[in-house]
Amino acid sequence: MKLGNFEINVIDTGIFRLDGGAMFGVVPKPLWSKKYDGGDELNRIPLSARPLLIEYDNKKILVDSGNGNKRDSKFNNIYGINPEKNSLTSGLNKLGVTPEQITDVILTHLHFDHVGGCTFFENDKHVPLFQNAAHYVQKKHLEWALNPSDKDKASFIRNDFDVLLSEGLLKFTYGEQEIFDNITVIPVSGHTESLQMVYVNGGDENLLYISDLSPTAAHLSYTFGLAYDNFPLLTVEEKKKILPKYYDMNTIICFEHDAFVQSGKLQATEKGFLLGEKITITEW
């Protein structure tokens, strides 16, 4: 996708699976399954881990890194991960990019399905994959990740990001901030403290990488929330503030976890917003 001076691509790092009930909170299955695939025999629904690659001038900026493929078999079985298909490096290679060429990594947050691909296991230790890149995360979020709530501490795996911190690769953002020309991070805290969405202003067109404020198109609904959210009522308020703004701006919304819908534009209804024009993913 060409967006002003930016060349933007999504990267397929394969599918993982989470419990459908956990993904839709208090919404009963007969309702959420009409909006999203009903799940497998374990009630797990398919989810993508879809990083974004932004290229312009001499910059190659990666937004999030998926699960990675360094997990053990127990972890992979729980989350339905096929390590042979969950390769960020292969996804980058399809776009003609190597890990060494990545100049910057913007991490929306440090849950394992967003930062796992930033490191790999070599010679009995975890090693950064993008050794030439600065990795950006909200300072408040790192503080939370180092001392998380009981609710989301299982989503933080320290060896995903400890080495980034110890080797000086982790850089900090502070609130809403334009960190590169026309690329702005926007924090929200309903899901976890100071998750940062990424907004790209291409002039005539613009894009919002919405991360876990709305992990799938179904979650655009104010009532469809994650049981994983630390502050679910705050998530509702953040959607009510953010979605009308980006609807008015005719923004392309890019979904990180929707296994079927890559991106699209918002459509207003009497009850809020849903996705109008959309791009469908049919293979993984």
C-alpha atoms as a PDB file:
ATOM      1  CA  MET A   1       0.000   0.000   0.000  1.00  0.00           C
ATOM      2  CA  LYS A   2       1.308   3.427  -0.945  1.00  0.00           C
ATOM      3  CA  LEU A   3       0.368   6.106   1.591  1.00  0.00           C
ATOM      4  CA  GLY A   4       1.913   9.467   0.758  1.00  0.00           C
ATOM      5  CA  ASN A   5       5.674   9.004   1.048  1.00  0.00           C
ATOM      6  CA  PHE A   6       5.222   5.718   2.877  1.00  0.00           C
ATOM      7  CA  GLU A   7       5.226   2.178   1.534  1.00  0.00           C
ATOM      8  CA  ILE A   8       3.212   0.076   3.967  1.00  0.00           C
ATOM      9  CA  ASN A   9       2.866  -3.698   4.070  1.00  0.00           C
ATOM     10  CA  VAL A  10       1.476  -6.199   6.534  1.00  0.00           C
ATOM     11  CA  ILE A  11       3.505  -9.296   7.403  1.00  0.00           C
ATOM     12  CA  ASP A  12       1.932 -12.712   7.814  1.00  0.00           C
ATOM     13  CA  THR A  13       3.485 -14.498  10.792  1.00  0.00           C
ATOM     14  CA  GLY A  14       0.900 -17.267  10.962  1.00  0.00           C
ATOM     15  CA  ILE A  15      -2.082 -18.033  13.143  1.00  0.00           C
ATOM     16  CA  PHE A  16      -2.379 -18.596  16.869  1.00  0.00           C
ATOM     17  CA  ARG A  17      -5.482 -19.373  18.898  1.00  0.00           C
ATOM     18  CA  LEU A  18      -7.065 -17.972  22.052  1.00  0.00           C
ATOM     19  CA  ASP A  19     -10.215 -18.916  23.916  1.00  0.00           C
ATOM     20  CA  GLY A  20     -13.256 -17.371  22.242  1.00  0.00           C
ATOM     21  CA  GLY A  21     -14.922 -16.554  25.544  1.00  0.00           C
ATOM     22  CA  ALA A  22     -11.835 -14.729  26.781  1.00  0.00           C
ATOM     23  CA  MET A  23     -11.648 -12.773  23.533  1.00  0.00           C
ATOM     24  CA  PHE A  24     -15.254 -11.560  23.806  1.00  0.00           C
ATOM     25  CA  GLY A  25     -15.735 -11.220  27.550  1.00  0.00           C
ATOM     26  CA  VAL A  26     -19.346 -10.977  28.698  1.00  0.00           C
ATOM     27  CA  VAL A  27     -20.772 -11.369  25.162  1.00  0.00           C
ATOM     28  CA  PRO A  28     -22.251 -14.894  24.873  1.00  0.00           C
ATOM     29  CA  LYS A  29     -21.025 -17.232  22.163  1.00  0.00           C
ATOM     30  CA  PRO A  30     -24.310 -17.265  20.176  1.00  0.00           C
ATOM     31  CA  LEU A  31     -23.779 -13.523  19.626  1.00  0.00           C
ATOM     32  CA  TRP A  32     -20.020 -13.233  19.107  1.00  0.00           C
ATOM     33  CA  SER A  33     -19.871 -16.293  16.851  1.00  0.00           C
ATOM     34  CA  LYS A  34     -22.110 -14.446  14.372  1.00  0.00           C
ATOM     35  CA  LYS A  35     -19.407 -11.782  14.104  1.00  0.00           C
ATOM     36  CA  TYR A  36     -16.335 -14.006  14.219  1.00  0.00           C
ATOM     37  CA  ASP A  37     -15.457 -17.650  13.573  1.00  0.00           C
ATOM     38  CA  GLY A  38     -16.982 -19.884  16.233  1.00  0.00           C
ATOM     39  CA  GLY A  39     -13.770 -21.646  17.157  1.00  0.00           C
ATOM     40  CA  ASP A  40     -12.309 -25.141  17.223  1.00  0.00           C
ATOM     41  CA  GLU A  41     -13.157 -28.146  19.441  1.00  0.00           C
ATOM     42  CA  LEU A  42     -11.369 -26.382  22.327  1.00  0.00           C
ATOM     43  CA  ASN A  43     -13.387 -23.173  21.724  1.00  0.00           C
ATOM     44  CA  ARG A  44     -10.247 -21.394  20.519  1.00  0.00           C
ATOM     45  CA  ILE A  45     -10.662 -18.883  17.725  1.00  0.00           C
ATOM     46  CA  PRO A  46      -8.040 -18.245  15.011  1.00  0.00           C
ATOM     47  CA  LEU A  47      -6.124 -14.995  15.350  1.00  0.00           C
ATOM     48  CA  SER A  48      -3.436 -13.446  13.220  1.00  0.00           C
ATOM     49  CA  ALA A  49      -0.250 -11.859  14.518  1.00  0.00           C
ATOM     50  CA  ARG A  50       0.133  -9.215  11.826  1.00  0.00           C
ATOM     51  CA  PRO A  51       3.085  -6.835  12.169  1.00  0.00           C
ATOM     52  CA  LEU A  52       3.266  -3.750   9.988  1.00  0.00           C
ATOM     53  CA  LEU A  53       6.263  -2.694   7.891  1.00  0.00           C
ATOM     54  CA  ILE A  54       6.579   1.022   7.101  1.00  0.00           C
ATOM     55  CA  GLU A  55       9.252   2.077   4.609  1.00  0.00           C
ATOM     56  CA  TYR A  56      10.270   5.573   3.543  1.00  0.00           C
ATOM     57  CA  ASP A  57      13.549   7.300   2.720  1.00  0.00           C
ATOM     58  CA  ASN A  58      16.201   5.241   4.542  1.00  0.00           C
ATOM     59  CA  LYS A  59      13.802   3.970   7.192  1.00  0.00           C
ATOM     60  CA  LYS A  60      12.401   0.462   7.587  1.00  0.00           C
ATOM     61  CA  ILE A  61      10.116   0.550  10.612  1.00  0.00           C
ATOM     62  CA  LEU A  62       8.499  -2.576  12.003  1.00  0.00           C
ATOM     63  CA  VAL A  63       5.409  -2.284  14.199  1.00  0.00           C
ATOM     64  CA  ASP A  64       5.209  -5.284  16.574  1.00  0.00           C
ATOM     65  CA  SER A  65       6.756  -8.674  15.874  1.00  0.00           C
ATOM     66  CA  GLY A  66       4.168 -11.390  16.540  1.00  0.00           C
ATOM     67  CA  ASN A  67       4.712 -14.505  18.647  1.00  0.00           C
ATOM     68  CA  GLY A  68       8.054 -15.514  17.207  1.00  0.00           C
ATOM     69  CA  ASN A  69       8.989 -19.160  16.768  1.00  0.00           C
ATOM     70  CA  LYS A  70      11.145 -19.849  19.819  1.00  0.00           C
ATOM     71  CA  ARG A  71       8.467 -21.244  22.153  1.00  0.00           C
ATOM     72  CA  ASP A  72       8.477 -24.783  23.507  1.00  0.00           C
ATOM     73  CA  SER A  73       6.037 -27.461  22.366  1.00  0.00           C
ATOM     74  CA  LYS A  74       3.777 -27.072  25.423  1.00  0.00           C
ATOM     75  CA  PHE A  75       3.318 -23.366  24.744  1.00  0.00           C
ATOM     76  CA  ASN A  76       2.737 -23.976  21.038  1.00  0.00           C
ATOM     77  CA  ASN A  77       0.106 -26.607  21.777  1.00  0.00           C
ATOM     78  CA  ILE A  78      -1.772 -24.363  24.198  1.00  0.00           C
ATOM     79  CA  TYR A  79      -1.915 -21.497  21.736  1.00  0.00           C
ATOM     80  CA  GLY A  80      -2.187 -23.487  18.509  1.00  0.00           C
ATOM     81  CA  ILE A  81       1.073 -22.143  17.101  1.00  0.00           C
ATOM     82  CA  ASN A  82       2.788 -23.875  14.198  1.00  0.00           C
ATOM     83  CA  PRO A  83       6.422 -22.755  14.581  1.00  0.00           C
ATOM     84  CA  GLU A  84       7.185 -23.591  10.966  1.00  0.00           C
ATOM     85  CA  LYS A  85       4.595 -21.038   9.834  1.00  0.00           C
ATOM     86  CA  ASN A  86       5.189 -18.414  12.528  1.00  0.00           C
ATOM     87  CA  SER A  87       8.346 -16.947  11.060  1.00  0.00           C
ATOM     88  CA  LEU A  88       8.742 -13.184  11.047  1.00  0.00           C
ATOM     89  CA  THR A  89      12.008 -13.513   9.136  1.00  0.00           C
ATOM     90  CA  SER A  90      10.287 -15.409   6.328  1.00  0.00           C
ATOM     91  CA  GLY A  91       7.558 -12.798   6.195  1.00  0.00           C
ATOM     92  CA  LEU A  92      10.120 -10.030   5.896  1.00  0.00           C
ATOM     93  CA  ASN A  93      12.066 -11.947   3.266  1.00  0.00           C
ATOM     94  CA  LYS A  94       8.964 -12.116   1.082  1.00  0.00           C
ATOM     95  CA  LEU A  95       9.106  -8.318   1.035  1.00  0.00           C
ATOM     96  CA  GLY A  96      12.829  -8.315   0.236  1.00  0.00           C
ATOM     97  CA  VAL A  97      13.824  -7.188   3.736  1.00  0.00           C
ATOM     98  CA  THR A  98      16.283  -8.791   6.155  1.00  0.00           C
ATOM     99  CA  PRO A  99      16.281  -8.302   9.951  1.00  0.00           C
ATOM    100  CA  GLU A 100      19.570  -6.393   9.678  1.00  0.00           C
ATOM    101  CA  GLN A 101      17.848  -3.775   7.518  1.00  0.00           C
ATOM    102  CA  ILE A 102      15.199  -2.909  10.102  1.00  0.00           C
ATOM    103  CA  THR A 103      16.065   0.525  11.471  1.00  0.00           C
ATOM    104  CA  ASP A 104      13.350   0.843  14.123  1.00  0.00           C
ATOM    105  CA  VAL A 105      10.740  -1.272  15.899  1.00  0.00           C
ATOM    106  CA  ILE A 106       7.646   0.280  17.448  1.00  0.00           C
ATOM    107  CA  LEU A 107       6.159  -2.032  20.072  1.00  0.00           C
ATOM    108  CA  THR A 108       2.515  -1.368  20.848  1.00  0.00           C
ATOM    109  CA  HIS A 109       3.015  -3.255  24.115  1.00  0.00           C
ATOM    110  CA  LEU A 110       5.033  -6.122  25.561  1.00  0.00           C
ATOM    111  CA  HIS A 111       2.530  -8.987  25.635  1.00  0.00           C
ATOM    112  CA  PHE A 112       4.095 -12.129  24.179  1.00  0.00           C
ATOM    113  CA  ASP A 113       2.056 -12.067  20.956  1.00  0.00           C
ATOM    114  CA  HIS A 114       3.364  -8.588  20.138  1.00  0.00           C
ATOM    115  CA  VAL A 115       7.021  -8.728  21.155  1.00  0.00           C
ATOM    116  CA  GLY A 116       7.864 -12.447  20.913  1.00  0.00           C
ATOM    117  CA  GLY A 117       9.422 -12.134  17.459  1.00  0.00           C
ATOM    118  CA  CYS A 118      11.979  -9.557  18.598  1.00  0.00           C
ATOM    119  CA  THR A 119      14.276 -12.232  19.999  1.00  0.00           C
ATOM    120  CA  PHE A 120      15.350 -15.757  19.112  1.00  0.00           C
ATOM    121  CA  PHE A 121      17.056 -18.543  21.020  1.00  0.00           C
ATOM    122  CA  GLU A 122      20.698 -19.224  20.156  1.00  0.00           C
ATOM    123  CA  ASN A 123      23.473 -20.945  22.130  1.00  0.00           C
ATOM    124  CA  ASP A 124      21.223 -21.282  25.192  1.00  0.00           C
ATOM    125  CA  LYS A 125      20.376 -17.593  25.360  1.00  0.00           C
ATOM    126  CA  HIS A 126      17.897 -15.102  23.936  1.00  0.00           C
ATOM    127  CA  VAL A 127      19.325 -12.840  21.267  1.00  0.00           C
ATOM    128  CA  PRO A 128      17.803  -9.722  19.653  1.00  0.00           C
ATOM    129  CA  LEU A 129      16.701 -10.328  16.076  1.00  0.00           C
ATOM    130  CA  PHE A 130      16.902  -6.650  15.081  1.00  0.00           C
ATOM    131  CA  GLN A 131      20.305  -5.720  16.406  1.00  0.00           C
ATOM    132  CA  ASN A 132      20.542  -2.509  14.363  1.00  0.00           C
ATOM    133  CA  ALA A 133      17.144  -1.196  15.462  1.00  0.00           C
ATOM    134  CA  ALA A 134      15.924   0.994  18.284  1.00  0.00           C
ATOM    135  CA  HIS A 135      12.821  -0.542  19.891  1.00  0.00           C
ATOM    136  CA  TYR A 136      10.240   1.983  21.103  1.00  0.00           C
ATOM    137  CA  VAL A 137       7.760   1.396  23.921  1.00  0.00           C
ATOM    138  CA  GLN A 138       5.919   3.704  26.296  1.00  0.00           C
ATOM    139  CA  LYS A 139       7.929   4.199  29.500  1.00  0.00           C
ATOM    140  CA  LYS A 140       4.791   3.752  31.598  1.00  0.00           C
ATOM    141  CA  HIS A 141       4.103   0.484  29.851  1.00  0.00           C
ATOM    142  CA  LEU A 142       7.565  -0.912  30.583  1.00  0.00           C
ATOM    143  CA  GLU A 143       7.067  -0.014  34.233  1.00  0.00           C
ATOM    144  CA  TRP A 144       3.776  -1.915  34.167  1.00  0.00           C
ATOM    145  CA  ALA A 145       5.327  -4.903  32.367  1.00  0.00           C
ATOM    146  CA  LEU A 146       8.021  -5.170  35.039  1.00  0.00           C
ATOM    147  CA  ASN A 147       5.349  -5.158  37.769  1.00  0.00           C
ATOM    148  CA  PRO A 148       2.132  -6.257  36.054  1.00  0.00           C
ATOM    149  CA  SER A 149      -1.300  -6.896  37.484  1.00  0.00           C
ATOM    150  CA  ASP A 150      -2.320 -10.429  38.374  1.00  0.00           C
ATOM    151  CA  LYS A 151      -4.700 -10.247  35.438  1.00  0.00           C
ATOM    152  CA  ASP A 152      -2.122  -9.855  32.685  1.00  0.00           C
ATOM    153  CA  LYS A 153       1.159 -11.011  34.207  1.00  0.00           C
ATOM    154  CA  ALA A 154       0.910 -14.305  32.271  1.00  0.00           C
ATOM    155  CA  SER A 155       0.955 -12.274  29.033  1.00  0.00           C
ATOM    156  CA  PHE A 156       4.412 -10.880  29.796  1.00  0.00           C
ATOM    157  CA  ILE A 157       7.358 -13.215  29.182  1.00  0.00           C
ATOM    158  CA  ARG A 158      10.441 -11.451  30.431  1.00  0.00           C
ATOM    159  CA  ASN A 159      12.905 -13.130  28.076  1.00  0.00           C
ATOM    160  CA  ASP A 160      11.010 -11.518  25.201  1.00  0.00           C
ATOM    161  CA  PHE A 161      12.245  -8.076  26.204  1.00  0.00           C
ATOM    162  CA  ASP A 162      14.817  -8.268  29.017  1.00  0.00           C
ATOM    163  CA  VAL A 163      17.668  -8.567  26.523  1.00  0.00           C
ATOM    164  CA  LEU A 164      16.383  -5.526  24.609  1.00  0.00           C
ATOM    165  CA  LEU A 165      16.587  -3.573  27.843  1.00  0.00           C
ATOM    166  CA  SER A 166      19.984  -4.897  28.940  1.00  0.00           C
ATOM    167  CA  GLU A 167      21.583  -4.250  25.536  1.00  0.00           C
ATOM    168  CA  GLY A 168      20.262  -0.688  25.328  1.00  0.00           C
ATOM    169  CA  LEU A 169      17.941  -1.383  22.382  1.00  0.00           C
ATOM    170  CA  LEU A 170      14.780  -0.351  24.216  1.00  0.00           C
ATOM    171  CA  LYS A 171      13.898   3.338  23.856  1.00  0.00           C
ATOM    172  CA  PHE A 172      11.029   5.173  25.497  1.00  0.00           C
ATOM    173  CA  THR A 173       8.072   7.210  24.325  1.00  0.00           C
ATOM    174  CA  TYR A 174       6.050   9.489  26.567  1.00  0.00           C
ATOM    175  CA  GLY A 175       2.351   9.883  25.882  1.00  0.00           C
ATOM    176  CA  GLU A 176       1.096  10.904  22.462  1.00  0.00           C
ATOM    177  CA  GLN A 177       4.224  11.673  20.486  1.00  0.00           C
ATOM    178  CA  GLU A 178       5.290  12.094  16.865  1.00  0.00           C
ATOM    179  CA  ILE A 179       8.358   9.867  16.910  1.00  0.00           C
ATOM    180  CA  PHE A 180       9.097  10.126  13.182  1.00  0.00           C
ATOM    181  CA  ASP A 181       7.812  12.583  10.578  1.00  0.00           C
ATOM    182  CA  ASN A 182       4.066  11.905  10.264  1.00  0.00           C
ATOM    183  CA  ILE A 183       4.232   8.782  12.454  1.00  0.00           C
ATOM    184  CA  THR A 184       2.628   9.262  15.863  1.00  0.00           C
ATOM    185  CA  VAL A 185       2.122   6.911  18.797  1.00  0.00           C
ATOM    186  CA  ILE A 186      -1.141   7.269  20.708  1.00  0.00           C
ATOM    187  CA  PRO A 187      -1.436   5.619  24.139  1.00  0.00           C
ATOM    188  CA  VAL A 188      -4.568   3.906  25.458  1.00  0.00           C
ATOM    189  CA  SER A 189      -4.775   2.030  28.734  1.00  0.00           C
ATOM    190  CA  GLY A 190      -7.937  -0.084  28.850  1.00  0.00           C
ATOM    191  CA  HIS A 191      -6.238  -3.264  27.666  1.00  0.00           C
ATOM    192  CA  THR A 192      -2.970  -2.728  29.511  1.00  0.00           C
ATOM    193  CA  GLU A 193      -1.226   0.365  30.819  1.00  0.00           C
ATOM    194  CA  SER A 194      -0.042   2.677  28.020  1.00  0.00           C
ATOM    195  CA  LEU A 195      -0.455   0.452  24.991  1.00  0.00           C
ATOM    196  CA  GLN A 196       0.496   2.653  22.025  1.00  0.00           C
ATOM    197  CA  MET A 197      -1.424   2.619  18.756  1.00  0.00           C
ATOM    198  CA  VAL A 198       0.432   3.858  15.678  1.00  0.00           C
ATOM    199  CA  TYR A 199      -0.954   6.555  13.383  1.00  0.00           C
ATOM    200  CA  VAL A 200       0.554   7.193   9.949  1.00  0.00           C
ATOM    201  CA  ASN A 201      -0.387  10.449   8.230  1.00  0.00           C
ATOM    202  CA  GLY A 202       0.065  10.041   4.493  1.00  0.00           C
ATOM    203  CA  GLY A 203      -1.565  13.333   3.573  1.00  0.00           C
ATOM    204  CA  ASP A 204      -4.502  12.384   1.369  1.00  0.00           C
ATOM    205  CA  GLU A 205      -4.869   9.080   3.247  1.00  0.00           C
ATOM    206  CA  ASN A 206      -3.990   7.998   6.751  1.00  0.00           C
ATOM    207  CA  LEU A 207      -3.825   4.746   8.714  1.00  0.00           C
ATOM    208  CA  LEU A 208      -4.317   3.710  12.336  1.00  0.00           C
ATOM    209  CA  TYR A 209      -2.732   0.484  13.572  1.00  0.00           C
ATOM    210  CA  ILE A 210      -5.252  -0.012  16.344  1.00  0.00           C
ATOM    211  CA  SER A 211      -3.614  -2.948  18.157  1.00  0.00           C
ATOM    212  CA  ASP A 212      -5.599  -4.411  21.059  1.00  0.00           C
ATOM    213  CA  LEU A 213      -8.012  -1.526  21.460  1.00  0.00           C
ATOM    214  CA  SER A 214      -9.850  -3.442  18.731  1.00  0.00           C
ATOM    215  CA  PRO A 215      -7.936  -6.649  17.970  1.00  0.00           C
ATOM    216  CA  THR A 216     -10.508  -7.705  15.350  1.00  0.00           C
ATOM    217  CA  ALA A 217     -13.134  -5.880  13.323  1.00  0.00           C
ATOM    218  CA  ALA A 218     -15.798  -7.409  15.580  1.00  0.00           C
ATOM    219  CA  HIS A 219     -14.271  -5.568  18.541  1.00  0.00           C
ATOM    220  CA  LEU A 220     -15.135  -2.200  17.030  1.00  0.00           C
ATOM    221  CA  SER A 221     -18.456  -2.675  18.802  1.00  0.00           C
ATOM    222  CA  TYR A 222     -18.467  -0.868  22.135  1.00  0.00           C
ATOM    223  CA  THR A 223     -19.934  -3.957  23.838  1.00  0.00           C
ATOM    224  CA  PHE A 224     -17.466  -6.499  22.418  1.00  0.00           C
ATOM    225  CA  GLY A 225     -14.579  -6.379  24.869  1.00  0.00           C
ATOM    226  CA  LEU A 226     -11.748  -8.638  25.937  1.00  0.00           C
ATOM    227  CA  ALA A 227     -11.822 -10.528  29.216  1.00  0.00           C
ATOM    228  CA  TYR A 228      -8.065  -9.880  29.091  1.00  0.00           C
ATOM    229  CA  ASP A 229      -8.580  -6.110  29.436  1.00  0.00           C
ATOM    230  CA  ASN A 230      -7.310  -4.748  32.736  1.00  0.00           C
ATOM    231  CA  PHE A 231      -9.778  -1.864  32.670  1.00  0.00           C
ATOM    232  CA  PRO A 232     -12.745  -2.864  30.475  1.00  0.00           C
ATOM    233  CA  LEU A 233     -14.827   0.246  31.168  1.00  0.00           C
ATOM    234  CA  LEU A 234     -11.889   2.404  30.149  1.00  0.00           C
ATOM    235  CA  THR A 235     -11.665   0.424  26.888  1.00  0.00           C
ATOM    236  CA  VAL A 236     -15.286   1.368  26.151  1.00  0.00           C
ATOM    237  CA  GLU A 237     -14.604   5.037  26.844  1.00  0.00           C
ATOM    238  CA  GLU A 238     -11.473   4.975  24.672  1.00  0.00           C
ATOM    239  CA  LYS A 239     -13.419   3.481  21.758  1.00  0.00           C
ATOM    240  CA  LYS A 240     -16.117   6.127  22.135  1.00  0.00           C
ATOM    241  CA  LYS A 241     -13.467   8.837  21.961  1.00  0.00           C
ATOM    242  CA  ILE A 242     -11.194   7.403  19.270  1.00  0.00           C
ATOM    243  CA  LEU A 243     -13.486   5.759  16.711  1.00  0.00           C
ATOM    244  CA  PRO A 244     -15.565   8.869  15.908  1.00  0.00           C
ATOM    245  CA  LYS A 245     -12.369  10.884  15.445  1.00  0.00           C
ATOM    246  CA  TYR A 246     -10.864   8.485  12.919  1.00  0.00           C
ATOM    247  CA  TYR A 247     -14.195   7.957  11.203  1.00  0.00           C
ATOM    248  CA  ASP A 248     -14.320  11.719  10.560  1.00  0.00           C
ATOM    249  CA  MET A 249     -10.783  11.516   9.168  1.00  0.00           C
ATOM    250  CA  ASN A 250     -11.718   8.627   6.827  1.00  0.00           C
ATOM    251  CA  THR A 251      -8.853   6.645   8.308  1.00  0.00           C
ATOM    252  CA  ILE A 252      -7.825   3.145   7.257  1.00  0.00           C
ATOM    253  CA  ILE A 253      -7.980   0.915  10.348  1.00  0.00           C
ATOM    254  CA  CYS A 254      -5.442  -1.923  10.356  1.00  0.00           C
ATOM    255  CA  PHE A 255      -6.224  -4.926  12.576  1.00  0.00           C
ATOM    256  CA  GLU A 256      -3.412  -6.862  14.177  1.00  0.00           C
ATOM    257  CA  HIS A 257      -5.304  -9.993  15.203  1.00  0.00           C
ATOM    258  CA  ASP A 258      -8.249 -10.428  12.845  1.00  0.00           C
ATOM    259  CA  ALA A 259      -7.615 -13.672  10.948  1.00  0.00           C
ATOM    260  CA  PHE A 260     -10.115 -12.701   8.240  1.00  0.00           C
ATOM    261  CA  VAL A 261      -9.960  -8.922   7.885  1.00  0.00           C
ATOM    262  CA  GLN A 262      -6.716  -7.073   7.353  1.00  0.00           C
ATOM    263  CA  SER A 263      -7.934  -3.491   7.229  1.00  0.00           C
ATOM    264  CA  GLY A 264     -10.770  -1.224   6.193  1.00  0.00           C
ATOM    265  CA  LYS A 265     -12.658   1.973   6.898  1.00  0.00           C
ATOM    266  CA  LEU A 266     -15.236   2.679   9.554  1.00  0.00           C
ATOM    267  CA  GLN A 267     -18.950   2.840   8.943  1.00  0.00           C
ATOM    268  CA  ALA A 268     -21.183   4.730  11.371  1.00  0.00           C
ATOM    269  CA  THR A 269     -24.374   3.146  12.727  1.00  0.00           C
ATOM    270  CA  GLU A 270     -26.912   4.101  15.359  1.00  0.00           C
ATOM    271  CA  LYS A 271     -25.106   1.860  17.845  1.00  0.00           C
ATOM    272  CA  GLY A 272     -21.553   2.950  17.073  1.00  0.00           C
ATOM    273  CA  PHE A 273     -19.177   1.784  14.371  1.00  0.00           C
ATOM    274  CA  LEU A 274     -18.501  -1.275  12.307  1.00  0.00           C
ATOM    275  CA  LEU A 275     -16.241  -1.926   9.360  1.00  0.00           C
ATOM    276  CA  GLY A 276     -17.488  -0.885   5.933  1.00  0.00           C
ATOM    277  CA  GLU A 277     -15.041  -1.360   3.071  1.00  0.00           C
ATOM    278  CA  LYS A 278     -12.656  -4.152   4.014  1.00  0.00           C
ATOM    279  CA  ILE A 279      -9.857  -6.428   2.827  1.00  0.00           C
ATOM    280  CA  THR A 280     -10.378 -10.112   3.521  1.00  0.00           C
ATOM    281  CA  ILE A 281      -7.597 -12.575   4.354  1.00  0.00           C
ATOM    282  CA  THR A 282      -8.469 -16.026   3.035  1.00  0.00           C
ATOM    283  CA  GLU A 283      -5.225 -17.987   3.498  1.00  0.00           C
ATOM    284  CA  TRP A 284      -2.801 -18.641   6.307  1.00  0.00           C
END
